[in-house]
Amino acid sequence: MTKLGISHVSHVVPGVVSCNGIEEDVNQWLSIIKDPIGLDMLFLDKWLAIFDEGQEPNTRNLKIPHQFPPVSQEMVGARFEFSSKDVQHLREKALSKLVITNGKKYHLSTFVLTVAYTATCLVKTKREGDMVVVIDFGVDCKSRLDPLVPLTYFGNCVMNYSSSTEAKNFMGGNGFGFAVEMVSDMVQKIKKGVVEGAEKDVSNFYTLKPGTQLIIIAGSPKLNIYEVDFGVMGKIKKVEMVSIEMDEIVSMAESRDGSGGVEIILALKKHEMENFTALFSAGLTCPSLIGCL
């Protein structure tokens, strides 16, 4: 049970005004911290659940106790780029295939298109149709909460969004089209409310079945990381993300040349990287993208 204590000290302001002010402050505070579905405890419980079996958690801090396995010597990293022309090509193919087919409106942003394309290539690289695939990315909630977080807030306010499906849905000739619809639906869900259905998302993310292909998107073209100016040191020349070899983490940023494209960095086993590279290149150069990927 949560207990709230209020300390009242003497001052020159009339008591009735002071009491009213305290009541208004308390009511406002209570309206802000409402959590009818208990997300706070759900997040904490799931966080504790990631501890290894037999390892006692230190409940006095949130230090991650999980010991990651050593990185395989088979892992290789590579950088790929979508030109602005590539992005437009993806958008045109998505429009011609999806909108005409069922009349549904889609959110065909650069982020949606490049994530969908990358995920399709990654799933087809594995070639395991009976596997479960989870796509996950972080969402900045500062401007999406009610009430809004103050503009002066300088902390984290990021929430993970994930969606799962069967790998076989990516395997057919319309694998890219399916991926676009999947990622578009995730973005549309955010527009409805960032905490809507969050209790299910948290449970699904922290209780992945063994063998699940988890594709995590880190970053976004909208962050404009290459525009950050460090003054005397100048602007960023190259972005690298550490630890992407631990999972199928895709680092994403805008193209460094400012052309409106997108660059991604990921790490895979050598033979998987060869397959991914072939799929990535072939799909972007094929006149009929849906048929190629």
C-alpha atoms as a PDB file:
ATOM      1  CA  MET A   1       0.000   0.000   0.000  1.00  0.00           C
ATOM      2  CA  THR A   2       1.312   3.449  -0.916  1.00  0.00           C
ATOM      3  CA  LYS A   3       1.210   6.107   1.805  1.00  0.00           C
ATOM      4  CA  LEU A   4       1.305   9.836   1.197  1.00  0.00           C
ATOM      5  CA  GLY A   5       2.462  12.271   3.865  1.00  0.00           C
ATOM      6  CA  ILE A   6       2.159  16.065   3.776  1.00  0.00           C
ATOM      7  CA  SER A   7       4.136  18.440   5.975  1.00  0.00           C
ATOM      8  CA  HIS A   8       2.540  21.835   6.722  1.00  0.00           C
ATOM      9  CA  VAL A   9       4.588  24.752   8.074  1.00  0.00           C
ATOM     10  CA  SER A  10       3.486  28.179   9.293  1.00  0.00           C
ATOM     11  CA  HIS A  11       3.620  31.095   6.849  1.00  0.00           C
ATOM     12  CA  VAL A  12       1.994  34.427   6.171  1.00  0.00           C
ATOM     13  CA  VAL A  13      -0.460  33.186   3.523  1.00  0.00           C
ATOM     14  CA  PRO A  14      -4.027  32.684   4.822  1.00  0.00           C
ATOM     15  CA  GLY A  15      -4.725  29.099   5.797  1.00  0.00           C
ATOM     16  CA  VAL A  16      -7.723  28.635   3.536  1.00  0.00           C
ATOM     17  CA  VAL A  17      -5.656  29.584   0.492  1.00  0.00           C
ATOM     18  CA  SER A  18      -2.872  27.274   1.609  1.00  0.00           C
ATOM     19  CA  CYS A  19      -5.230  24.316   2.089  1.00  0.00           C
ATOM     20  CA  ASN A  20      -6.855  24.895  -1.270  1.00  0.00           C
ATOM     21  CA  GLY A  21      -3.452  25.108  -2.889  1.00  0.00           C
ATOM     22  CA  ILE A  22      -2.315  21.873  -1.278  1.00  0.00           C
ATOM     23  CA  GLU A  23      -5.513  20.125  -2.329  1.00  0.00           C
ATOM     24  CA  GLU A  24      -5.104  21.297  -5.913  1.00  0.00           C
ATOM     25  CA  ASP A  25      -1.470  20.198  -5.974  1.00  0.00           C
ATOM     26  CA  VAL A  26      -2.307  16.773  -4.559  1.00  0.00           C
ATOM     27  CA  ASN A  27      -5.194  16.269  -6.980  1.00  0.00           C
ATOM     28  CA  GLN A  28      -3.000  17.250  -9.899  1.00  0.00           C
ATOM     29  CA  TRP A  29      -0.262  14.914  -8.743  1.00  0.00           C
ATOM     30  CA  LEU A  30      -2.718  12.051  -8.311  1.00  0.00           C
ATOM     31  CA  SER A  31      -4.121  12.594 -11.804  1.00  0.00           C
ATOM     32  CA  ILE A  32      -0.614  12.397 -13.250  1.00  0.00           C
ATOM     33  CA  ILE A  33       0.497   9.192 -11.509  1.00  0.00           C
ATOM     34  CA  LYS A  34      -2.673   7.191 -12.133  1.00  0.00           C
ATOM     35  CA  ASP A  35      -1.794   3.671 -13.237  1.00  0.00           C
ATOM     36  CA  PRO A  36      -5.049   1.680 -13.332  1.00  0.00           C
ATOM     37  CA  ILE A  37      -3.517  -1.362 -15.036  1.00  0.00           C
ATOM     38  CA  GLY A  38      -0.423  -1.496 -12.804  1.00  0.00           C
ATOM     39  CA  LEU A  39       2.260  -0.933 -15.426  1.00  0.00           C
ATOM     40  CA  ASP A  40       4.832   0.085 -12.819  1.00  0.00           C
ATOM     41  CA  MET A  41       4.778  -3.273 -11.036  1.00  0.00           C
ATOM     42  CA  LEU A  42       4.472  -5.174 -14.300  1.00  0.00           C
ATOM     43  CA  PHE A  43       7.648  -3.580 -15.640  1.00  0.00           C
ATOM     44  CA  LEU A  44       9.514  -4.212 -12.380  1.00  0.00           C
ATOM     45  CA  ASP A  45       8.370  -7.841 -12.161  1.00  0.00           C
ATOM     46  CA  LYS A  46       9.386  -8.545 -15.746  1.00  0.00           C
ATOM     47  CA  TRP A  47      12.714  -6.808 -15.176  1.00  0.00           C
ATOM     48  CA  LEU A  48      13.457  -9.104 -12.244  1.00  0.00           C
ATOM     49  CA  ALA A  49      12.403 -12.090 -14.352  1.00  0.00           C
ATOM     50  CA  ILE A  50      15.384 -11.659 -16.680  1.00  0.00           C
ATOM     51  CA  PHE A  51      17.771 -12.797 -13.921  1.00  0.00           C
ATOM     52  CA  ASP A  52      19.458 -16.104 -14.593  1.00  0.00           C
ATOM     53  CA  GLU A  53      18.045 -19.086 -12.761  1.00  0.00           C
ATOM     54  CA  GLY A  54      19.786 -19.645  -9.479  1.00  0.00           C
ATOM     55  CA  GLN A  55      21.171 -16.112  -9.351  1.00  0.00           C
ATOM     56  CA  GLU A  56      19.944 -13.988  -6.501  1.00  0.00           C
ATOM     57  CA  PRO A  57      18.819 -10.532  -7.660  1.00  0.00           C
ATOM     58  CA  ASN A  58      20.063  -7.454  -5.869  1.00  0.00           C
ATOM     59  CA  THR A  59      16.765  -5.673  -5.322  1.00  0.00           C
ATOM     60  CA  ARG A  60      18.526  -2.532  -4.090  1.00  0.00           C
ATOM     61  CA  ASN A  61      19.624  -1.580  -7.577  1.00  0.00           C
ATOM     62  CA  LEU A  62      18.677  -2.183 -11.205  1.00  0.00           C
ATOM     63  CA  LYS A  63      22.065  -3.365 -12.376  1.00  0.00           C
ATOM     64  CA  ILE A  64      21.683  -5.864 -15.195  1.00  0.00           C
ATOM     65  CA  PRO A  65      23.026  -9.176 -13.863  1.00  0.00           C
ATOM     66  CA  HIS A  66      22.701 -11.122 -17.096  1.00  0.00           C
ATOM     67  CA  GLN A  67      26.019 -12.388 -18.390  1.00  0.00           C
ATOM     68  CA  PHE A  68      26.049 -12.260 -22.171  1.00  0.00           C
ATOM     69  CA  PRO A  69      27.801 -15.133 -23.941  1.00  0.00           C
ATOM     70  CA  PRO A  70      31.082 -14.350 -25.691  1.00  0.00           C
ATOM     71  CA  VAL A  71      30.722 -13.030 -29.216  1.00  0.00           C
ATOM     72  CA  SER A  72      31.122 -15.732 -31.841  1.00  0.00           C
ATOM     73  CA  GLN A  73      34.161 -15.413 -34.093  1.00  0.00           C
ATOM     74  CA  GLU A  74      31.787 -16.117 -36.981  1.00  0.00           C
ATOM     75  CA  MET A  75      30.063 -12.749 -36.550  1.00  0.00           C
ATOM     76  CA  VAL A  76      30.774 -10.007 -39.063  1.00  0.00           C
ATOM     77  CA  GLY A  77      29.387  -6.482 -39.198  1.00  0.00           C
ATOM     78  CA  ALA A  78      28.375  -4.478 -42.241  1.00  0.00           C
ATOM     79  CA  ARG A  79      26.834  -1.162 -43.182  1.00  0.00           C
ATOM     80  CA  PHE A  80      24.078  -0.858 -45.796  1.00  0.00           C
ATOM     81  CA  GLU A  81      22.432   2.207 -47.249  1.00  0.00           C
ATOM     82  CA  PHE A  82      19.064   3.098 -48.727  1.00  0.00           C
ATOM     83  CA  SER A  83      19.342   6.050 -51.084  1.00  0.00           C
ATOM     84  CA  SER A  84      16.429   8.474 -51.275  1.00  0.00           C
ATOM     85  CA  LYS A  85      15.679   6.862 -54.644  1.00  0.00           C
ATOM     86  CA  ASP A  86      15.569   3.427 -52.986  1.00  0.00           C
ATOM     87  CA  VAL A  87      13.110   4.690 -50.374  1.00  0.00           C
ATOM     88  CA  GLN A  88      10.852   6.115 -53.063  1.00  0.00           C
ATOM     89  CA  HIS A  89      11.080   2.816 -54.944  1.00  0.00           C
ATOM     90  CA  LEU A  90       9.939   0.960 -51.828  1.00  0.00           C
ATOM     91  CA  ARG A  91       7.080   3.405 -51.301  1.00  0.00           C
ATOM     92  CA  GLU A  92       5.818   3.029 -54.871  1.00  0.00           C
ATOM     93  CA  LYS A  93       5.851  -0.750 -54.692  1.00  0.00           C
ATOM     94  CA  ALA A  94       4.111  -0.758 -51.321  1.00  0.00           C
ATOM     95  CA  LEU A  95       1.423   1.591 -52.619  1.00  0.00           C
ATOM     96  CA  SER A  96       0.779  -0.409 -55.768  1.00  0.00           C
ATOM     97  CA  LYS A  97       0.535  -3.704 -53.902  1.00  0.00           C
ATOM     98  CA  LEU A  98      -1.190  -2.806 -50.643  1.00  0.00           C
ATOM     99  CA  VAL A  99      -3.573   0.100 -51.224  1.00  0.00           C
ATOM    100  CA  ILE A 100      -5.009  -1.211 -54.487  1.00  0.00           C
ATOM    101  CA  THR A 101      -5.484  -4.689 -53.043  1.00  0.00           C
ATOM    102  CA  ASN A 102      -7.659  -3.916 -50.026  1.00  0.00           C
ATOM    103  CA  GLY A 103      -8.110  -0.142 -49.863  1.00  0.00           C
ATOM    104  CA  LYS A 104      -6.537   0.078 -46.407  1.00  0.00           C
ATOM    105  CA  LYS A 105      -4.495   3.182 -45.607  1.00  0.00           C
ATOM    106  CA  TYR A 106      -0.935   2.654 -44.490  1.00  0.00           C
ATOM    107  CA  HIS A 107       1.699   4.763 -42.765  1.00  0.00           C
ATOM    108  CA  LEU A 108       4.398   4.593 -45.434  1.00  0.00           C
ATOM    109  CA  SER A 109       7.099   6.675 -43.781  1.00  0.00           C
ATOM    110  CA  THR A 110      10.794   6.181 -44.471  1.00  0.00           C
ATOM    111  CA  PHE A 111      11.096   4.418 -41.111  1.00  0.00           C
ATOM    112  CA  VAL A 112       8.259   1.970 -41.842  1.00  0.00           C
ATOM    113  CA  LEU A 113       9.529   1.133 -45.332  1.00  0.00           C
ATOM    114  CA  THR A 114      13.175   0.606 -44.388  1.00  0.00           C
ATOM    115  CA  VAL A 115      12.349  -1.399 -41.250  1.00  0.00           C
ATOM    116  CA  ALA A 116       9.934  -3.603 -43.209  1.00  0.00           C
ATOM    117  CA  TYR A 117      12.463  -4.201 -45.979  1.00  0.00           C
ATOM    118  CA  THR A 118      15.321  -4.936 -43.573  1.00  0.00           C
ATOM    119  CA  ALA A 119      13.169  -7.302 -41.499  1.00  0.00           C
ATOM    120  CA  THR A 120      12.063  -9.173 -44.624  1.00  0.00           C
ATOM    121  CA  CYS A 121      15.683  -9.673 -45.681  1.00  0.00           C
ATOM    122  CA  LEU A 122      16.655 -10.841 -42.178  1.00  0.00           C
ATOM    123  CA  VAL A 123      13.834 -13.373 -41.940  1.00  0.00           C
ATOM    124  CA  LYS A 124      14.522 -14.755 -45.411  1.00  0.00           C
ATOM    125  CA  THR A 125      18.197 -14.996 -44.489  1.00  0.00           C
ATOM    126  CA  LYS A 126      17.326 -17.498 -41.744  1.00  0.00           C
ATOM    127  CA  ARG A 127      15.112 -19.569 -44.083  1.00  0.00           C
ATOM    128  CA  GLU A 128      13.096 -21.014 -41.205  1.00  0.00           C
ATOM    129  CA  GLY A 129       9.394 -20.633 -41.947  1.00  0.00           C
ATOM    130  CA  ASP A 130       8.197 -22.234 -38.709  1.00  0.00           C
ATOM    131  CA  MET A 131      10.001 -19.696 -36.515  1.00  0.00           C
ATOM    132  CA  VAL A 132       8.320 -16.861 -34.603  1.00  0.00           C
ATOM    133  CA  VAL A 133       9.517 -13.376 -35.573  1.00  0.00           C
ATOM    134  CA  VAL A 134       9.324 -10.349 -33.267  1.00  0.00           C
ATOM    135  CA  ILE A 135       9.999  -6.809 -34.495  1.00  0.00           C
ATOM    136  CA  ASP A 136      10.768  -4.326 -31.731  1.00  0.00           C
ATOM    137  CA  PHE A 137      11.636  -0.632 -31.635  1.00  0.00           C
ATOM    138  CA  GLY A 138      11.675   2.170 -29.080  1.00  0.00           C
ATOM    139  CA  VAL A 139       9.228   5.077 -29.063  1.00  0.00           C
ATOM    140  CA  ASP A 140       9.886   8.512 -27.555  1.00  0.00           C
ATOM    141  CA  CYS A 141       6.820   9.110 -25.385  1.00  0.00           C
ATOM    142  CA  LYS A 142       7.554  12.646 -24.168  1.00  0.00           C
ATOM    143  CA  SER A 143       5.190  14.286 -26.650  1.00  0.00           C
ATOM    144  CA  ARG A 144       2.674  11.438 -26.608  1.00  0.00           C
ATOM    145  CA  LEU A 145       1.608  11.211 -22.966  1.00  0.00           C
ATOM    146  CA  ASP A 146      -1.444  12.786 -21.362  1.00  0.00           C
ATOM    147  CA  PRO A 147      -0.601  15.039 -19.613  1.00  0.00           C
ATOM    148  CA  LEU A 148       2.442  15.952 -21.694  1.00  0.00           C
ATOM    149  CA  VAL A 149       5.930  15.720 -20.252  1.00  0.00           C
ATOM    150  CA  PRO A 150       7.414  19.236 -19.782  1.00  0.00           C
ATOM    151  CA  LEU A 151       9.733  20.390 -22.553  1.00  0.00           C
ATOM    152  CA  THR A 152      12.412  21.006 -19.923  1.00  0.00           C
ATOM    153  CA  TYR A 153      12.469  17.310 -18.936  1.00  0.00           C
ATOM    154  CA  PHE A 154      15.938  15.935 -19.683  1.00  0.00           C
ATOM    155  CA  GLY A 155      15.490  12.249 -18.941  1.00  0.00           C
ATOM    156  CA  ASN A 156      14.492   9.072 -20.711  1.00  0.00           C
ATOM    157  CA  CYS A 157      10.893   8.540 -21.690  1.00  0.00           C
ATOM    158  CA  VAL A 158      11.170   5.649 -24.130  1.00  0.00           C
ATOM    159  CA  MET A 159       8.894   2.649 -24.420  1.00  0.00           C
ATOM    160  CA  ASN A 160       9.433  -0.530 -26.416  1.00  0.00           C
ATOM    161  CA  TYR A 161       6.877  -1.481 -29.041  1.00  0.00           C
ATOM    162  CA  SER A 162       6.871  -5.009 -30.435  1.00  0.00           C
ATOM    163  CA  SER A 163       4.777  -7.224 -32.657  1.00  0.00           C
ATOM    164  CA  SER A 164       5.109 -10.930 -33.432  1.00  0.00           C
ATOM    165  CA  THR A 165       4.156 -13.181 -36.315  1.00  0.00           C
ATOM    166  CA  GLU A 166       5.222 -16.381 -38.058  1.00  0.00           C
ATOM    167  CA  ALA A 167       8.283 -16.298 -40.289  1.00  0.00           C
ATOM    168  CA  LYS A 168       6.387 -17.966 -43.139  1.00  0.00           C
ATOM    169  CA  ASN A 169       4.456 -14.716 -43.651  1.00  0.00           C
ATOM    170  CA  PHE A 170       7.677 -13.108 -44.894  1.00  0.00           C
ATOM    171  CA  MET A 171       8.614 -15.971 -47.182  1.00  0.00           C
ATOM    172  CA  GLY A 172       6.137 -15.615 -50.033  1.00  0.00           C
ATOM    173  CA  GLY A 173       6.258 -13.266 -52.977  1.00  0.00           C
ATOM    174  CA  ASN A 174       4.477 -10.635 -50.891  1.00  0.00           C
ATOM    175  CA  GLY A 175       6.797 -10.898 -47.897  1.00  0.00           C
ATOM    176  CA  PHE A 176       7.749  -7.235 -48.109  1.00  0.00           C
ATOM    177  CA  GLY A 177       4.100  -6.207 -48.407  1.00  0.00           C
ATOM    178  CA  PHE A 178       3.252  -8.201 -45.283  1.00  0.00           C
ATOM    179  CA  ALA A 179       6.129  -6.583 -43.390  1.00  0.00           C
ATOM    180  CA  VAL A 180       5.011  -3.091 -44.425  1.00  0.00           C
ATOM    181  CA  GLU A 181       1.516  -3.767 -43.107  1.00  0.00           C
ATOM    182  CA  MET A 182       2.921  -5.172 -39.857  1.00  0.00           C
ATOM    183  CA  VAL A 183       5.228  -2.221 -39.121  1.00  0.00           C
ATOM    184  CA  SER A 184       2.624   0.295 -40.316  1.00  0.00           C
ATOM    185  CA  ASP A 185       0.086  -1.171 -37.885  1.00  0.00           C
ATOM    186  CA  MET A 186       2.620  -0.797 -35.070  1.00  0.00           C
ATOM    187  CA  VAL A 187       3.070   2.894 -35.864  1.00  0.00           C
ATOM    188  CA  GLN A 188      -0.685   3.437 -36.201  1.00  0.00           C
ATOM    189  CA  LYS A 189      -1.119   1.875 -32.773  1.00  0.00           C
ATOM    190  CA  ILE A 190       1.227   4.481 -31.296  1.00  0.00           C
ATOM    191  CA  LYS A 191      -1.003   7.242 -32.618  1.00  0.00           C
ATOM    192  CA  LYS A 192      -3.932   5.820 -30.634  1.00  0.00           C
ATOM    193  CA  GLY A 193      -1.992   6.051 -27.378  1.00  0.00           C
ATOM    194  CA  VAL A 194       1.478   4.961 -26.337  1.00  0.00           C
ATOM    195  CA  VAL A 195       0.296   3.049 -23.264  1.00  0.00           C
ATOM    196  CA  GLU A 196      -2.695   1.351 -24.881  1.00  0.00           C
ATOM    197  CA  GLY A 197      -2.132  -2.398 -24.636  1.00  0.00           C
ATOM    198  CA  ALA A 198       1.254  -1.835 -22.996  1.00  0.00           C
ATOM    199  CA  GLU A 199       0.649  -4.576 -20.432  1.00  0.00           C
ATOM    200  CA  LYS A 200       0.504  -7.147 -23.242  1.00  0.00           C
ATOM    201  CA  ASP A 201       3.541  -5.740 -25.030  1.00  0.00           C
ATOM    202  CA  VAL A 202       5.642  -5.941 -21.871  1.00  0.00           C
ATOM    203  CA  SER A 203       4.672  -9.551 -21.207  1.00  0.00           C
ATOM    204  CA  ASN A 204       5.275 -10.611 -24.806  1.00  0.00           C
ATOM    205  CA  PHE A 205       8.681  -8.932 -24.995  1.00  0.00           C
ATOM    206  CA  TYR A 206      10.043 -10.419 -21.766  1.00  0.00           C
ATOM    207  CA  THR A 207       8.644 -13.920 -22.300  1.00  0.00           C
ATOM    208  CA  LEU A 208      10.013 -14.806 -25.730  1.00  0.00           C
ATOM    209  CA  LYS A 209       9.949 -18.467 -26.667  1.00  0.00           C
ATOM    210  CA  PRO A 210      13.275 -20.198 -27.376  1.00  0.00           C
ATOM    211  CA  GLY A 211      14.199 -19.943 -31.042  1.00  0.00           C
ATOM    212  CA  THR A 212      12.341 -16.673 -31.588  1.00  0.00           C
ATOM    213  CA  GLN A 213      13.941 -14.335 -34.118  1.00  0.00           C
ATOM    214  CA  LEU A 214      14.019 -10.985 -32.338  1.00  0.00           C
ATOM    215  CA  ILE A 215      14.714  -8.041 -34.654  1.00  0.00           C
ATOM    216  CA  ILE A 216      15.437  -4.899 -32.634  1.00  0.00           C
ATOM    217  CA  ILE A 217      15.580  -1.530 -34.372  1.00  0.00           C
ATOM    218  CA  ALA A 218      17.849   0.965 -32.607  1.00  0.00           C
ATOM    219  CA  GLY A 219      17.774   4.572 -33.738  1.00  0.00           C
ATOM    220  CA  SER A 220      15.777   6.389 -36.391  1.00  0.00           C
ATOM    221  CA  PRO A 221      16.411   8.604 -39.432  1.00  0.00           C
ATOM    222  CA  LYS A 222      14.508  11.355 -37.612  1.00  0.00           C
ATOM    223  CA  LEU A 223      17.176  11.667 -34.926  1.00  0.00           C
ATOM    224  CA  ASN A 224      19.444  13.495 -37.411  1.00  0.00           C
ATOM    225  CA  ILE A 225      22.495  12.273 -35.556  1.00  0.00           C
ATOM    226  CA  TYR A 226      24.874  13.476 -38.264  1.00  0.00           C
ATOM    227  CA  GLU A 227      23.629  17.023 -37.773  1.00  0.00           C
ATOM    228  CA  VAL A 228      24.887  17.149 -34.180  1.00  0.00           C
ATOM    229  CA  ASP A 229      27.601  19.815 -34.034  1.00  0.00           C
ATOM    230  CA  PHE A 230      30.249  19.548 -31.302  1.00  0.00           C
ATOM    231  CA  GLY A 231      31.667  22.994 -31.990  1.00  0.00           C
ATOM    232  CA  VAL A 232      35.456  22.814 -32.197  1.00  0.00           C
ATOM    233  CA  MET A 233      35.284  19.072 -32.841  1.00  0.00           C
ATOM    234  CA  GLY A 234      32.782  19.578 -35.650  1.00  0.00           C
ATOM    235  CA  LYS A 235      29.978  17.251 -36.722  1.00  0.00           C
ATOM    236  CA  ILE A 236      29.868  13.480 -36.414  1.00  0.00           C
ATOM    237  CA  LYS A 237      31.677  11.702 -39.242  1.00  0.00           C
ATOM    238  CA  LYS A 238      30.603   8.131 -38.583  1.00  0.00           C
ATOM    239  CA  VAL A 239      28.141   6.384 -36.261  1.00  0.00           C
ATOM    240  CA  GLU A 240      28.886   2.959 -34.789  1.00  0.00           C
ATOM    241  CA  MET A 241      26.736   1.084 -32.269  1.00  0.00           C
ATOM    242  CA  VAL A 242      28.410  -1.351 -29.881  1.00  0.00           C
ATOM    243  CA  SER A 243      27.018  -4.767 -28.917  1.00  0.00           C
ATOM    244  CA  ILE A 244      24.841  -5.166 -32.021  1.00  0.00           C
ATOM    245  CA  GLU A 245      26.351  -8.633 -32.430  1.00  0.00           C
ATOM    246  CA  MET A 246      24.539  -9.864 -29.301  1.00  0.00           C
ATOM    247  CA  ASP A 247      21.153 -10.046 -31.020  1.00  0.00           C
ATOM    248  CA  GLU A 248      19.748  -9.100 -34.393  1.00  0.00           C
ATOM    249  CA  ILE A 249      19.974  -5.421 -33.566  1.00  0.00           C
ATOM    250  CA  VAL A 250      19.738  -3.041 -36.495  1.00  0.00           C
ATOM    251  CA  SER A 251      21.317   0.360 -35.917  1.00  0.00           C
ATOM    252  CA  MET A 252      19.533   2.978 -38.031  1.00  0.00           C
ATOM    253  CA  ALA A 253      20.372   6.592 -38.859  1.00  0.00           C
ATOM    254  CA  GLU A 254      19.992   9.076 -41.677  1.00  0.00           C
ATOM    255  CA  SER A 255      22.583   8.965 -44.463  1.00  0.00           C
ATOM    256  CA  ARG A 256      25.703  10.865 -43.486  1.00  0.00           C
ATOM    257  CA  ASP A 257      25.812  12.741 -46.817  1.00  0.00           C
ATOM    258  CA  GLY A 258      22.477  14.432 -46.098  1.00  0.00           C
ATOM    259  CA  SER A 259      20.898  13.044 -49.273  1.00  0.00           C
ATOM    260  CA  GLY A 260      17.706  11.928 -47.543  1.00  0.00           C
ATOM    261  CA  GLY A 261      18.630   8.266 -47.446  1.00  0.00           C
ATOM    262  CA  VAL A 262      19.013   5.848 -44.537  1.00  0.00           C
ATOM    263  CA  GLU A 263      21.961   3.784 -43.343  1.00  0.00           C
ATOM    264  CA  ILE A 264      21.756   0.624 -41.256  1.00  0.00           C
ATOM    265  CA  ILE A 265      24.422  -1.385 -39.441  1.00  0.00           C
ATOM    266  CA  LEU A 266      24.001  -4.986 -38.320  1.00  0.00           C
ATOM    267  CA  ALA A 267      26.041  -8.079 -37.477  1.00  0.00           C
ATOM    268  CA  LEU A 268      25.397 -11.644 -38.607  1.00  0.00           C
ATOM    269  CA  LYS A 269      27.292 -14.873 -39.022  1.00  0.00           C
ATOM    270  CA  LYS A 270      29.433 -14.822 -42.151  1.00  0.00           C
ATOM    271  CA  HIS A 271      27.226 -17.109 -44.254  1.00  0.00           C
ATOM    272  CA  GLU A 272      24.100 -15.272 -43.091  1.00  0.00           C
ATOM    273  CA  MET A 273      25.651 -11.933 -43.998  1.00  0.00           C
ATOM    274  CA  GLU A 274      26.344 -13.225 -47.496  1.00  0.00           C
ATOM    275  CA  ASN A 275      22.693 -14.254 -47.866  1.00  0.00           C
ATOM    276  CA  PHE A 276      21.460 -10.952 -46.421  1.00  0.00           C
ATOM    277  CA  THR A 277      23.697  -8.907 -48.721  1.00  0.00           C
ATOM    278  CA  ALA A 278      22.434 -10.766 -51.780  1.00  0.00           C
ATOM    279  CA  LEU A 279      18.779 -10.313 -50.768  1.00  0.00           C
ATOM    280  CA  PHE A 280      19.240  -6.653 -49.837  1.00  0.00           C
ATOM    281  CA  SER A 281      20.906  -5.747 -53.124  1.00  0.00           C
ATOM    282  CA  ALA A 282      18.667  -7.846 -55.364  1.00  0.00           C
ATOM    283  CA  GLY A 283      15.451  -6.452 -53.945  1.00  0.00           C
ATOM    284  CA  LEU A 284      16.467  -2.826 -54.431  1.00  0.00           C
ATOM    285  CA  THR A 285      17.643  -3.317 -58.004  1.00  0.00           C
ATOM    286  CA  CYS A 286      14.752  -5.502 -59.134  1.00  0.00           C
ATOM    287  CA  PRO A 287      12.163  -3.565 -61.203  1.00  0.00           C
ATOM    288  CA  SER A 288       9.371  -5.567 -59.574  1.00  0.00           C
ATOM    289  CA  LEU A 289      10.383  -5.524 -55.919  1.00  0.00           C
ATOM    290  CA  ILE A 290       7.458  -7.623 -54.663  1.00  0.00           C
ATOM    291  CA  GLY A 291       8.375 -10.449 -56.989  1.00  0.00           C
ATOM    292  CA  CYS A 292      12.059 -10.354 -56.017  1.00  0.00           C
ATOM    293  CA  LEU A 293      11.610 -10.113 -52.278  1.00  0.00           C
END
